[in-house]
Amino acid sequence: MTQSIPRRRFVRELVLALIAVVPVGAASVLGQLATYPNLIPWYASLAKPWFTPPSWVFGPVWTALYVLMAFALWRVLRAPGYFAGRRFAVVLFGIQLILNAAWSWMFFGANSPLLGMVNIIPQLLIILATVAAFARVDKAAAWCLVPLAVWVAYASVLNAAIWQANG
């Protein structure tokens, strides 16, 4: 009987990890399906501002951000006790994740920096709301989303500059 408690705890942690990792991984894959086929020639042919990072930067940055997102969600899901705002925080997280994947389809898939702007501004606002909601449940989880907020803020400026340059 004493072994069943650690086993149940392990199974619970594994299930929570899967609940965190699977949707984040799916968002990453869905975004890549729209992005990669449109890097060349469409994205490569766009006029870009001087502060556009080299293409090789995006893969490692997004990999790190997705890992941090999954870890943050896992922490919120496994936080002890009852938190009235946990469900709301998880819903916000889901919305920002959907917007994250949709941006790739709007910007790259539709070849439209304008549609990217239509997505990325609300996406940034939802990310900021998610950070605040996560902070009420688990401060470390909230801090894990701060790099995402910073990157998407930067990406918003970059998206706007690309839209302006390619009107």
Protein backbone atom coordinates (compact mmCIF):
# COMPACT_ATOMS: atom_id res chain seq x y z
CA MET A 1 0.00 0.00 0.00
CA THR A 2 2.84 2.46 0.69
CA GLN A 3 4.15 1.92 -2.85
CA SER A 4 0.81 2.84 -4.41
CA ILE A 5 1.01 6.46 -3.16
CA PRO A 6 4.33 7.20 -4.91
CA ARG A 7 3.04 5.38 -7.99
CA ARG A 8 -0.17 7.45 -8.03
CA ARG A 9 1.85 10.61 -7.54
CA PHE A 10 4.13 9.64 -10.44
CA VAL A 11 1.17 8.87 -12.70
CA ARG A 12 -0.47 12.19 -11.76
CA GLU A 13 2.74 14.12 -12.53
CA LEU A 14 3.10 12.29 -15.83
CA VAL A 15 -0.49 13.08 -16.83
CA LEU A 16 -0.04 16.75 -15.89
CA ALA A 17 3.20 16.89 -17.87
CA LEU A 18 1.43 15.45 -20.91
CA ILE A 19 -1.43 17.93 -20.51
CA ALA A 20 1.17 20.71 -20.56
CA VAL A 21 3.50 19.39 -23.27
CA VAL A 22 1.07 18.03 -25.87
CA PRO A 23 -0.84 21.25 -26.65
CA VAL A 24 2.34 23.34 -26.61
CA GLY A 25 4.05 20.85 -28.92
CA ALA A 26 1.01 20.79 -31.18
CA ALA A 27 1.01 24.60 -31.43
CA SER A 28 4.67 24.50 -32.39
CA VAL A 29 4.12 21.90 -35.10
CA LEU A 30 1.03 23.68 -36.47
CA GLY A 31 2.97 26.93 -36.67
CA GLN A 32 5.88 25.26 -38.43
CA LEU A 33 3.53 23.76 -41.03
CA ALA A 34 2.62 27.28 -42.14
CA THR A 35 6.04 28.84 -41.66
CA TYR A 36 8.58 26.57 -43.33
CA PRO A 37 6.97 26.34 -46.80
CA ASN A 38 6.79 30.14 -46.93
CA LEU A 39 10.29 31.09 -45.78
CA ILE A 40 11.61 30.86 -49.33
CA PRO A 41 10.74 32.58 -51.56
CA TRP A 42 7.99 34.67 -49.90
CA TYR A 43 9.56 35.73 -46.55
CA ALA A 44 13.06 35.91 -48.05
CA SER A 45 11.79 38.38 -50.68
CA LEU A 46 10.22 40.80 -48.19
CA ALA A 47 11.83 44.11 -47.30
CA LYS A 48 12.81 43.85 -43.62
CA PRO A 49 14.02 46.41 -41.11
CA TRP A 50 17.61 46.58 -39.89
CA PHE A 51 16.67 44.97 -36.56
CA THR A 52 15.45 41.72 -38.14
CA PRO A 53 17.41 38.85 -36.58
CA PRO A 54 19.14 36.30 -38.77
CA SER A 55 16.87 33.41 -39.73
CA TRP A 56 18.83 30.90 -37.64
CA VAL A 57 17.84 32.76 -34.42
CA PHE A 58 14.14 31.95 -34.65
CA GLY A 59 14.41 28.16 -34.20
CA PRO A 60 16.39 28.19 -30.93
CA VAL A 61 14.41 31.12 -29.51
CA TRP A 62 11.05 29.51 -30.20
CA THR A 63 12.24 26.14 -28.92
CA ALA A 64 13.25 27.75 -25.62
CA LEU A 65 9.98 29.69 -25.44
CA TYR A 66 7.87 26.59 -26.05
CA VAL A 67 9.79 24.67 -23.38
CA LEU A 68 9.22 27.54 -20.93
CA MET A 69 5.52 27.68 -21.86
CA ALA A 70 5.04 23.96 -21.22
CA PHE A 71 6.96 24.17 -17.94
CA ALA A 72 4.91 27.17 -16.81
CA LEU A 73 1.63 25.43 -17.62
CA TRP A 74 2.79 22.27 -15.82
CA ARG A 75 3.62 24.32 -12.70
CA VAL A 76 0.19 25.95 -12.71
CA LEU A 77 -1.57 22.63 -13.25
CA ARG A 78 0.26 21.00 -10.35
CA ALA A 79 0.15 23.91 -7.91
CA PRO A 80 -1.09 22.67 -4.54
CA GLY A 81 -4.42 23.69 -3.10
CA TYR A 82 -7.38 25.36 -4.69
CA PHE A 83 -6.89 28.58 -6.61
CA ALA A 84 -10.02 30.27 -7.86
CA GLY A 85 -8.08 31.79 -10.74
CA ARG A 86 -6.35 28.61 -11.92
CA ARG A 87 -9.04 27.71 -14.47
CA PHE A 88 -9.08 31.28 -15.79
CA ALA A 89 -5.27 31.26 -16.03
CA VAL A 90 -5.30 27.99 -17.98
CA VAL A 91 -8.03 29.30 -20.32
CA LEU A 92 -5.96 32.44 -21.00
CA PHE A 93 -2.93 30.23 -21.64
CA GLY A 94 -4.95 28.22 -24.15
CA ILE A 95 -6.12 31.35 -25.94
CA GLN A 96 -2.59 32.72 -26.25
CA LEU A 97 -1.41 29.33 -27.51
CA ILE A 98 -4.12 29.27 -30.20
CA LEU A 99 -3.24 32.83 -31.22
CA ASN A 100 0.43 31.81 -31.29
CA ALA A 101 -0.19 29.01 -33.79
CA ALA A 102 -2.70 31.10 -35.77
CA TRP A 103 -0.17 33.91 -36.25
CA SER A 104 2.01 31.65 -38.38
CA TRP A 105 -0.95 30.83 -40.61
CA MET A 106 -2.00 34.47 -40.84
CA PHE A 107 1.47 35.92 -41.47
CA PHE A 108 3.24 33.09 -43.33
CA GLY A 109 0.39 30.88 -44.52
CA ALA A 110 -1.64 33.78 -45.93
CA ASN A 111 1.52 35.72 -46.87
CA SER A 112 0.05 38.70 -45.04
CA PRO A 113 1.92 40.93 -42.58
CA LEU A 114 -1.40 42.78 -42.12
CA LEU A 115 -3.15 39.63 -40.90
CA GLY A 116 -0.11 39.01 -38.68
CA MET A 117 -0.74 42.42 -37.07
CA VAL A 118 -4.43 41.62 -36.60
CA ASN A 119 -3.31 38.59 -34.56
CA ILE A 120 -0.17 39.68 -32.75
CA ILE A 121 -1.53 42.70 -30.88
CA PRO A 122 -4.34 40.76 -29.14
CA GLN A 123 -1.90 37.86 -28.70
CA LEU A 124 0.50 40.10 -26.78
CA LEU A 125 -2.32 41.43 -24.59
CA ILE A 126 -3.49 37.88 -23.80
CA ILE A 127 0.09 36.83 -22.98
CA LEU A 128 0.37 39.74 -20.53
CA ALA A 129 -2.98 38.77 -18.98
CA THR A 130 -1.75 35.16 -18.74
CA VAL A 131 1.41 36.27 -16.95
CA ALA A 132 -0.71 38.17 -14.43
CA ALA A 133 -3.11 35.25 -13.97
CA PHE A 134 -0.24 32.75 -13.59
CA ALA A 135 1.37 35.02 -10.98
CA ARG A 136 -1.67 34.55 -8.75
CA VAL A 137 -1.18 30.77 -8.89
CA ASP A 138 2.60 30.32 -9.19
CA LYS A 139 5.07 33.18 -9.47
CA ALA A 140 7.78 31.02 -11.06
CA ALA A 141 5.33 29.97 -13.77
CA ALA A 142 4.55 33.62 -14.46
CA TRP A 143 8.25 34.45 -14.75
CA CYS A 144 8.64 31.62 -17.26
CA LEU A 145 6.23 33.47 -19.56
CA VAL A 146 8.01 36.83 -19.35
CA PRO A 147 10.51 35.93 -22.12
CA LEU A 148 7.53 35.02 -24.34
CA ALA A 149 5.95 38.42 -23.65
CA VAL A 150 9.22 40.21 -24.44
CA TRP A 151 9.77 38.23 -27.65
CA VAL A 152 6.19 38.75 -28.86
CA ALA A 153 6.46 42.48 -28.08
CA TYR A 154 9.62 42.57 -30.21
CA ALA A 155 7.91 40.44 -32.89
CA SER A 156 5.00 42.92 -32.90
CA VAL A 157 7.35 45.77 -33.75
CA LEU A 158 9.08 43.62 -36.36
CA ASN A 159 5.73 42.55 -37.87
CA ALA A 160 4.61 46.20 -38.03
CA ALA A 161 7.86 47.26 -39.73
CA ILE A 162 7.57 44.46 -42.29
CA TRP A 163 3.95 45.38 -42.94
CA GLN A 164 4.90 49.05 -43.40
CA ALA A 165 7.85 48.25 -45.68
CA ASN A 166 5.84 45.88 -47.86
CA GLY A 167 2.45 47.65 -47.68
